[in-house]
Protein backbone atom coordinates (compact mmCIF):
# COMPACT_ATOMS: atom_id res chain seq x y z
CA MET A 1 -11.40 -25.44 0.92
CA LEU A 2 -12.52 -23.90 4.18
CA ALA A 3 -11.83 -20.20 4.80
CA GLY A 4 -9.21 -20.92 7.46
CA ASN A 5 -7.28 -23.21 5.13
CA VAL A 6 -7.45 -20.70 2.27
CA ALA A 7 -6.36 -17.86 4.51
CA LYS A 8 -3.47 -19.86 5.91
CA SER A 9 -2.29 -21.01 2.47
CA LEU A 10 -2.33 -17.41 1.18
CA GLY A 11 -0.85 -15.83 4.30
CA ILE A 12 -3.88 -13.67 5.02
CA GLY A 13 -6.53 -13.54 7.70
CA VAL A 14 -9.98 -15.04 7.40
CA GLN A 15 -11.39 -11.56 7.94
CA THR A 16 -9.61 -10.46 4.76
CA LEU A 17 -11.56 -13.09 2.82
CA HIS A 18 -14.78 -11.87 4.41
CA TYR A 19 -13.86 -8.29 3.58
CA TYR A 20 -13.24 -9.17 -0.08
CA GLU A 21 -16.65 -10.80 -0.15
CA ARG A 22 -18.40 -7.81 1.46
CA GLU A 23 -16.69 -5.42 -0.97
CA GLY A 24 -17.72 -7.48 -3.99
CA LEU A 25 -14.19 -8.47 -4.97
CA ILE A 26 -15.11 -12.14 -4.73
CA PRO A 27 -18.52 -13.74 -5.02
CA ALA A 28 -20.04 -15.35 -1.96
CA PRO A 29 -18.56 -18.84 -1.73
CA ALA A 30 -20.72 -21.92 -1.51
CA ARG A 31 -21.58 -23.10 1.98
CA SER A 32 -21.31 -26.49 3.59
CA GLU A 33 -24.36 -28.04 5.25
CA SER A 34 -23.10 -26.64 8.54
CA GLY A 35 -22.75 -23.14 7.07
CA TYR A 36 -18.97 -22.98 6.57
CA ARG A 37 -17.72 -21.09 3.54
CA LEU A 38 -16.26 -23.40 0.90
CA TYR A 39 -13.75 -21.82 -1.48
CA SER A 40 -13.39 -23.40 -4.91
CA PRO A 41 -9.98 -23.50 -6.62
CA GLU A 42 -11.21 -20.73 -8.97
CA LEU A 43 -12.13 -18.54 -6.01
CA VAL A 44 -8.73 -19.17 -4.41
CA GLU A 45 -7.08 -18.14 -7.71
CA ARG A 46 -9.15 -14.97 -7.71
CA VAL A 47 -7.98 -14.13 -4.18
CA GLN A 48 -4.40 -14.80 -5.28
CA PHE A 49 -4.89 -12.38 -8.17
CA ILE A 50 -6.27 -9.73 -5.81
CA ARG A 51 -3.29 -10.13 -3.47
CA LYS A 52 -0.78 -9.94 -6.34
CA ALA A 53 -2.49 -6.84 -7.73
CA GLN A 54 -2.37 -5.22 -4.29
CA GLY A 55 1.29 -6.16 -4.04
CA LEU A 56 1.89 -4.22 -7.25
CA GLY A 57 0.32 -1.19 -5.62
CA LEU A 58 -3.14 -1.30 -7.17
CA PRO A 59 -5.87 -0.08 -4.81
CA LEU A 60 -8.80 -2.42 -4.25
CA ASP A 61 -11.17 -0.16 -6.20
CA GLU A 62 -8.94 -0.51 -9.24
CA VAL A 63 -8.67 -4.28 -8.72
CA LYS A 64 -12.46 -4.49 -8.55
CA ASP A 65 -12.75 -2.62 -11.86
CA VAL A 66 -10.17 -4.90 -13.48
CA LEU A 67 -12.04 -7.99 -12.31
CA ARG A 68 -15.34 -6.54 -13.54
CA LEU A 69 -13.84 -5.89 -16.99
CA ALA A 70 -12.53 -9.45 -17.14
CA GLU A 71 -15.95 -10.82 -16.15
CA GLN A 72 -17.50 -8.81 -19.00
CA GLY A 73 -15.12 -10.45 -21.46
CA SER A 74 -12.88 -7.42 -21.94
CA SER A 75 -9.15 -7.64 -21.49
CA PRO A 76 -8.22 -5.39 -18.57
CA CYS A 77 -4.51 -5.48 -19.34
CA GLY A 78 -4.47 -2.00 -20.87
CA ARG A 79 -6.13 -0.65 -17.75
CA VAL A 80 -3.64 -2.48 -15.54
CA GLN A 81 -0.72 -1.17 -17.59
CA ALA A 82 -2.01 2.41 -17.26
CA ALA A 83 -2.54 1.99 -13.51
CA LEU A 84 0.97 0.57 -13.09
CA ALA A 85 2.40 3.46 -15.12
CA ASP A 86 0.63 5.86 -12.73
CA LYS A 87 2.05 3.93 -9.78
CA LEU A 88 5.54 4.14 -11.30
CA ARG A 89 5.22 7.93 -11.60
CA GLU A 90 4.18 8.06 -7.92
CA VAL A 91 7.18 5.94 -6.93
CA ASP A 92 9.55 8.12 -8.95
CA GLU A 93 8.14 11.27 -7.30
CA ARG A 94 8.44 9.63 -3.89
CA LEU A 95 12.05 8.71 -4.60
CA ARG A 96 12.81 12.31 -5.59
CA GLU A 97 11.24 13.53 -2.34
CA LEU A 98 13.17 10.99 -0.29
CA ARG A 99 16.49 11.80 -2.00
CA SER A 100 15.96 15.49 -1.32
CA PHE A 101 14.95 14.78 2.27
CA ARG A 102 17.98 12.53 2.70
CA ASN A 103 20.33 15.23 1.42
CA GLU A 104 18.82 17.83 3.71
CA LEU A 105 19.15 15.50 6.70
CA ALA A 106 22.75 14.69 5.81
CA ASN A 107 23.53 18.43 5.67
CA LEU A 108 21.80 19.00 8.99
CA ILE A 109 23.80 16.19 10.62
CA GLN A 110 27.02 17.57 9.18
CA GLU A 111 26.21 21.03 10.54
CA ALA A 112 25.05 19.68 13.92
CA SER A 113 28.47 19.96 15.52
CA SER A 114 28.37 23.75 15.11
CA HIS A 115 25.16 23.97 17.15
CA GLY A 116 26.73 22.84 20.40
CA GLN A 117 24.62 21.95 23.41
CA ASN A 118 22.64 25.22 23.52
CA GLY A 119 18.91 25.52 23.23
CA GLN A 120 15.90 24.84 25.37
CA VAL A 121 15.58 21.28 24.15
CA CYS A 122 18.03 20.64 21.31
CA ALA A 123 19.77 23.34 19.33
CA ILE A 124 20.05 21.08 16.28
CA VAL A 125 16.27 21.12 15.86
CA GLU A 126 15.71 24.64 17.14
CA GLU A 127 18.27 26.23 14.82
CA ALA A 128 17.53 24.08 11.76
CA ALA A 129 16.16 25.90 8.74
CA PRO A 130 12.80 24.55 7.53
CA LEU A 131 13.42 21.61 5.24
CA ARG A 132 12.40 22.34 1.65
CA SER A 133 11.51 18.75 0.89
CA VAL A 134 8.77 18.42 3.46
CA HIS A 135 5.17 19.50 3.31
CA ALA A 136 4.15 21.52 6.35
CA THR A 137 5.47 19.62 9.36
CA THR A 138 5.33 16.14 7.88
CA SER A 139 8.45 14.48 6.56
CA PRO A 140 8.33 12.05 3.62
CA LEU A 141 8.97 9.25 6.09
CA THR A 142 6.10 10.07 8.43
CA MET A 143 3.83 10.78 5.46
CA ARG A 144 4.36 7.21 4.27
CA ARG A 145 3.68 5.78 7.71
CA SER A 146 0.48 7.78 8.07
CA ARG A 147 -0.73 6.73 4.60
CA ALA A 148 -0.14 3.07 5.44
CA ARG A 149 -2.52 3.18 8.41
């Protein structure tokens, strides 16, 4: 299959395939006489595995290690299970942070009516106590957005 067809069938960009190749996640595919990359069914399955692993929250470095272990004949499932357990702990911590943040916001909204229209910009923000659930000036919501970039 040509790169464009593979990318389209998997819902990714051709540049993603090239990136996986540059990073050593997939071997360089065979080339046609005119130089086009030709992806074998096995290579397409490997890309599908990479995408599924990413969807489970595994970083590409971890996926690369898992693939390397499999190529060496070792079962990487224990490693994957440990990585997913770590990811679950991260998700649980994130949920705790978000619940706390949500409760603090709900309290702030409830108290907003007592602030009136005073303040240089908005009394709700100016008179709000620092939220305990945030780190410095970054809320859990903006932290997630900045990590995703």
